[in-house]
Amino acid sequence: MNSLEIIARIYRGDLPNELLIKTEYVMELLKLDHSISSGHALLITAARRDNFKDDKDWAAWCEEKFNFNGSYRCHMVQAGRLLLDTIKKIELFQMLYRLEIYKLISLERIDRLRLPEFLKANDVEKLTRDQVRDAVNAWLGREEPNNKLAAKPEKYHPDLFEMIGSVCALRVQTVIDSITDVKKADQACDSGLKLYACSLNYYKQNPETLPIEKIEKLEKAMESELEELRGLKATAAGFKIAK
């Protein structure tokens, strides 16, 4: 079955049950388009639901077969979940299937029972991805004032970014000279990683701000740094015990 036949079958809401056929479908679609599409998202999310008991095995399958890892899987599952939830309502499903994936990621946050109402009020096919995201945020804030999205954010220190700016403005040697013991070294390291993780979280929640490949690269870099840090700390602890 060629790519166009596969797309036509999926568009009818006809998904294969067997993992082998899902795999063949995704690989065929990748020949047509290497960017994330609704078809890719739907098929790997359906495979996760139907063919895997363990998410680790599913993630390994995604990476081994299609090189889908990290942020790719995260984004595709968000979009695929929405498509799976609406696949029995064929007109709604087909309209959603035609949308670019970043619009689906925003729409996935809306309660499925309220989704037709939202779509009636917002012509998402004509809106940009940013406009869809803003419309969803406004809808959730208006319709669900008690949910976590509408809740007031935790009040942070008002000079947080002035403080960060002040630290960044310091000469590197000044910072080095200030770290005089392991407690201060750990504190500096943990603070840096926390800021890194918070920034990465923003990029993942707003995927239009950076290419997915860049987000994935940042995520891998942080994981690598954490792994190396754990190894260094374990070595240091062993050295102390030996002494």
Protein backbone atom coordinates (compact mmCIF):
# COMPACT_ATOMS: atom_id res chain seq x y z
CA MET A 1 0.00 0.00 0.00
CA ASN A 2 1.46 3.36 -1.01
CA SER A 3 1.47 6.59 1.01
CA LEU A 4 -1.65 8.08 -0.58
CA GLU A 5 -3.64 4.89 -0.01
CA ILE A 6 -2.53 4.82 3.61
CA ILE A 7 -3.53 8.46 4.11
CA ALA A 8 -6.94 7.76 2.55
CA ARG A 9 -7.49 4.77 4.83
CA ILE A 10 -6.49 6.68 7.96
CA TYR A 11 -8.66 9.61 6.90
CA ARG A 12 -11.64 7.21 6.94
CA GLY A 13 -10.75 6.33 10.54
CA ASP A 14 -9.57 2.87 9.54
CA LEU A 15 -6.53 1.96 11.63
CA PRO A 16 -4.71 -1.40 11.52
CA ASN A 17 -4.58 -3.48 14.69
CA GLU A 18 -1.26 -5.23 14.08
CA LEU A 19 1.95 -3.53 15.15
CA LEU A 20 3.74 -4.74 12.02
CA ILE A 21 1.24 -2.98 9.76
CA LYS A 22 1.33 0.20 11.88
CA THR A 23 5.11 0.13 11.53
CA GLU A 24 4.89 -0.27 7.76
CA TYR A 25 2.39 2.58 7.55
CA VAL A 26 4.58 5.00 9.50
CA MET A 27 7.64 4.08 7.46
CA GLU A 28 5.72 4.60 4.23
CA LEU A 29 4.43 7.99 5.41
CA LEU A 30 7.97 9.02 6.31
CA LYS A 31 8.97 8.52 2.70
CA LEU A 32 6.37 11.13 1.81
CA ASP A 33 7.14 13.61 4.58
CA HIS A 34 9.82 13.50 7.28
CA SER A 35 8.17 16.25 9.32
CA ILE A 36 5.70 15.34 12.05
CA SER A 37 2.26 14.74 10.62
CA SER A 38 -1.16 13.80 11.98
CA GLY A 39 -0.74 10.35 10.44
CA HIS A 40 2.52 9.67 12.28
CA ALA A 41 1.04 10.95 15.53
CA LEU A 42 -2.12 8.87 15.26
CA LEU A 43 -0.34 5.64 14.38
CA ILE A 44 2.31 5.70 17.09
CA THR A 45 -0.23 6.74 19.72
CA ALA A 46 -2.54 3.92 18.63
CA ALA A 47 0.41 1.53 18.85
CA ARG A 48 1.13 2.71 22.38
CA ARG A 49 -2.48 2.01 23.34
CA ASP A 50 -2.98 -1.25 21.47
CA ASN A 51 0.36 -3.02 21.18
CA PHE A 52 2.55 -2.15 24.16
CA LYS A 53 2.13 -2.80 27.87
CA ASP A 54 5.30 -0.96 28.81
CA ASP A 55 6.01 2.63 27.72
CA LYS A 56 9.73 1.88 27.70
CA ASP A 57 9.21 -0.78 25.01
CA TRP A 58 7.01 1.61 23.04
CA ALA A 59 9.63 4.38 23.28
CA ALA A 60 12.34 1.95 22.14
CA TRP A 61 10.17 0.95 19.16
CA CYS A 62 9.65 4.62 18.19
CA GLU A 63 13.35 5.33 18.37
CA GLU A 64 14.59 2.15 16.73
CA LYS A 65 12.13 2.11 13.84
CA PHE A 66 11.61 5.81 13.10
CA ASN A 67 14.18 7.75 15.14
CA PHE A 68 11.31 9.41 17.03
CA ASN A 69 12.67 10.31 20.45
CA GLY A 70 12.32 12.82 23.26
CA SER A 71 10.24 15.79 22.20
CA TYR A 72 9.03 14.09 19.01
CA ARG A 73 7.18 11.45 21.00
CA CYS A 74 5.85 13.96 23.50
CA HIS A 75 4.33 16.18 20.79
CA MET A 76 3.00 13.30 18.73
CA VAL A 77 1.25 11.66 21.66
CA GLN A 78 -0.49 14.92 22.53
CA ALA A 79 -1.83 15.24 18.99
CA GLY A 80 -2.47 11.52 18.56
CA ARG A 81 -4.48 11.33 21.76
CA LEU A 82 -6.90 13.96 20.46
CA LEU A 83 -7.29 12.16 17.14
CA LEU A 84 -7.90 8.79 18.82
CA ASP A 85 -10.50 10.30 21.13
CA THR A 86 -12.48 11.71 18.19
CA ILE A 87 -12.01 8.98 15.59
CA LYS A 88 -15.55 7.64 16.02
CA LYS A 89 -16.98 11.07 15.18
CA ILE A 90 -15.79 11.00 11.62
CA GLU A 91 -16.56 14.59 10.54
CA LEU A 92 -14.86 16.02 13.62
CA PHE A 93 -11.95 13.60 13.25
CA GLN A 94 -11.41 14.48 9.60
CA MET A 95 -11.44 18.19 10.31
CA LEU A 96 -8.85 17.73 13.06
CA TYR A 97 -6.76 15.40 10.93
CA ARG A 98 -6.33 18.15 8.34
CA LEU A 99 -4.81 20.54 10.89
CA GLU A 100 -1.10 20.97 11.45
CA ILE A 101 0.15 19.13 14.49
CA TYR A 102 0.90 22.20 16.62
CA LYS A 103 -2.74 23.23 16.43
CA LEU A 104 -3.73 19.75 17.59
CA ILE A 105 -1.36 20.02 20.54
CA SER A 106 -3.16 23.17 21.69
CA LEU A 107 -6.63 21.73 21.05
CA GLU A 108 -5.82 18.57 23.01
CA ARG A 109 -6.15 20.58 26.23
CA ILE A 110 -9.88 21.16 25.70
CA ASP A 111 -12.44 18.80 27.18
CA ARG A 112 -13.68 16.51 24.40
CA LEU A 113 -17.34 17.23 25.20
CA ARG A 114 -16.73 20.96 24.84
CA LEU A 115 -14.51 20.70 21.77
CA PRO A 116 -17.33 21.05 19.16
CA GLU A 117 -18.50 24.20 20.93
CA PHE A 118 -14.99 25.63 20.85
CA LEU A 119 -14.56 24.79 17.17
CA LYS A 120 -17.88 26.40 16.34
CA ALA A 121 -16.69 29.63 17.98
CA ASN A 122 -13.18 29.51 16.50
CA ASP A 123 -12.35 28.80 12.86
CA VAL A 124 -9.13 26.98 13.66
CA GLU A 125 -8.43 26.07 10.05
CA LYS A 126 -7.98 29.76 9.22
CA LEU A 127 -6.17 30.72 12.42
CA THR A 128 -2.40 30.53 12.82
CA ARG A 129 -0.93 28.14 15.37
CA ASP A 130 -0.28 31.05 17.74
CA GLN A 131 -3.86 32.27 17.38
CA VAL A 132 -5.18 28.76 18.10
CA ARG A 133 -3.01 28.55 21.22
CA ASP A 134 -4.20 31.96 22.41
CA ALA A 135 -7.83 31.06 21.71
CA VAL A 136 -7.47 27.84 23.73
CA ASN A 137 -5.87 29.73 26.63
CA ALA A 138 -8.68 32.28 26.59
CA TRP A 139 -11.32 29.55 26.41
CA LEU A 140 -9.88 27.58 29.31
CA GLY A 141 -9.51 30.71 31.41
CA ARG A 142 -13.10 31.73 30.76
CA GLU A 143 -14.81 28.33 30.94
CA GLU A 144 -12.80 26.72 33.72
CA PRO A 145 -11.75 29.46 36.14
CA ASN A 146 -10.78 26.95 38.81
CA ASN A 147 -8.46 24.85 36.70
CA LYS A 148 -4.70 24.97 36.95
CA LEU A 149 -4.31 26.89 33.70
CA ALA A 150 -6.43 29.76 34.96
CA ALA A 151 -5.07 29.78 38.48
CA LYS A 152 -2.77 32.64 39.45
CA PRO A 153 0.87 31.60 39.16
CA GLU A 154 2.95 31.26 42.25
CA LYS A 155 4.36 34.65 43.21
CA TYR A 156 8.09 34.65 42.60
CA HIS A 157 10.59 37.13 43.89
CA PRO A 158 9.94 40.30 41.82
CA ASP A 159 13.64 40.78 41.13
CA LEU A 160 14.31 37.19 40.03
CA PHE A 161 15.59 38.03 36.56
CA GLU A 162 17.49 41.06 37.80
CA MET A 163 19.27 38.67 40.15
CA ILE A 164 19.95 36.23 37.31
CA GLY A 165 21.21 39.10 35.17
CA SER A 166 23.51 40.23 37.94
CA VAL A 167 25.02 36.76 38.25
CA CYS A 168 25.47 36.48 34.48
CA ALA A 169 27.22 39.85 34.45
CA LEU A 170 29.91 38.64 36.85
CA ARG A 171 33.31 37.69 35.53
CA VAL A 172 33.74 33.93 35.41
CA GLN A 173 36.79 34.15 37.66
CA THR A 174 34.75 36.03 40.27
CA VAL A 175 32.27 33.16 40.42
CA ILE A 176 35.09 30.61 40.55
CA ASP A 177 36.73 32.46 43.46
CA SER A 178 33.39 32.54 45.32
CA ILE A 179 32.96 28.75 45.24
CA THR A 180 35.19 27.77 48.11
CA ASP A 181 33.68 24.47 49.32
CA VAL A 182 31.61 21.51 48.15
CA LYS A 183 28.39 22.92 49.60
CA LYS A 184 28.69 26.07 47.51
CA ALA A 185 29.70 24.05 44.46
CA ASP A 186 26.62 21.83 44.84
CA GLN A 187 24.39 24.86 45.34
CA ALA A 188 25.72 26.59 42.22
CA CYS A 189 25.40 23.41 40.18
CA ASP A 190 21.86 22.64 41.38
CA SER A 191 20.75 26.23 40.73
CA GLY A 192 22.08 26.16 37.19
CA LEU A 193 20.38 22.85 36.43
CA LYS A 194 17.10 24.09 37.91
CA LEU A 195 17.14 27.17 35.66
CA TYR A 196 18.04 25.00 32.68
CA ALA A 197 15.16 22.61 33.42
CA CYS A 198 12.68 25.49 33.84
CA SER A 199 13.73 27.05 30.55
CA LEU A 200 13.50 23.68 28.80
CA ASN A 201 10.01 23.20 30.20
CA TYR A 202 8.95 26.52 28.65
CA TYR A 203 10.28 25.50 25.23
CA LYS A 204 8.49 22.14 25.45
CA GLN A 205 5.21 23.79 26.43
CA ASN A 206 5.61 26.31 23.59
CA PRO A 207 7.09 24.20 20.76
CA GLU A 208 6.67 26.98 18.21
CA THR A 209 9.44 28.96 19.95
CA LEU A 210 12.19 26.54 18.91
CA PRO A 211 12.52 23.76 16.32
CA ILE A 212 11.79 20.35 17.83
CA GLU A 213 15.31 19.22 16.92
CA LYS A 214 16.77 22.05 19.04
CA ILE A 215 14.50 21.27 22.00
CA GLU A 216 15.49 17.62 21.76
CA LYS A 217 19.18 18.59 21.64
CA LEU A 218 18.81 20.72 24.77
CA GLU A 219 16.96 17.90 26.54
CA LYS A 220 19.69 15.40 25.69
CA ALA A 221 22.37 17.84 26.80
CA MET A 222 20.72 18.25 30.20
CA GLU A 223 20.33 14.49 30.62
CA SER A 224 24.00 14.04 29.73
CA GLU A 225 25.08 16.70 32.22
CA LEU A 226 22.98 15.13 34.97
CA GLU A 227 24.41 11.68 34.27
CA GLU A 228 27.96 13.00 34.35
CA LEU A 229 27.27 14.89 37.58
CA ARG A 230 25.87 11.76 39.23
CA GLY A 231 29.01 9.88 38.21
CA LEU A 232 31.31 12.57 39.57
CA LYS A 233 29.45 12.71 42.88
CA ALA A 234 29.50 8.92 43.18
CA THR A 235 33.25 8.91 42.54
CA ALA A 236 33.80 11.67 45.10
CA ALA A 237 31.74 9.79 47.70
CA GLY A 238 33.74 6.62 47.09
CA PHE A 239 36.99 8.54 47.44
CA LYS A 240 35.90 9.91 50.83
CA ILE A 241 34.95 6.44 52.07
CA ALA A 242 38.27 5.03 50.91
CA LYS A 243 40.14 7.73 52.80
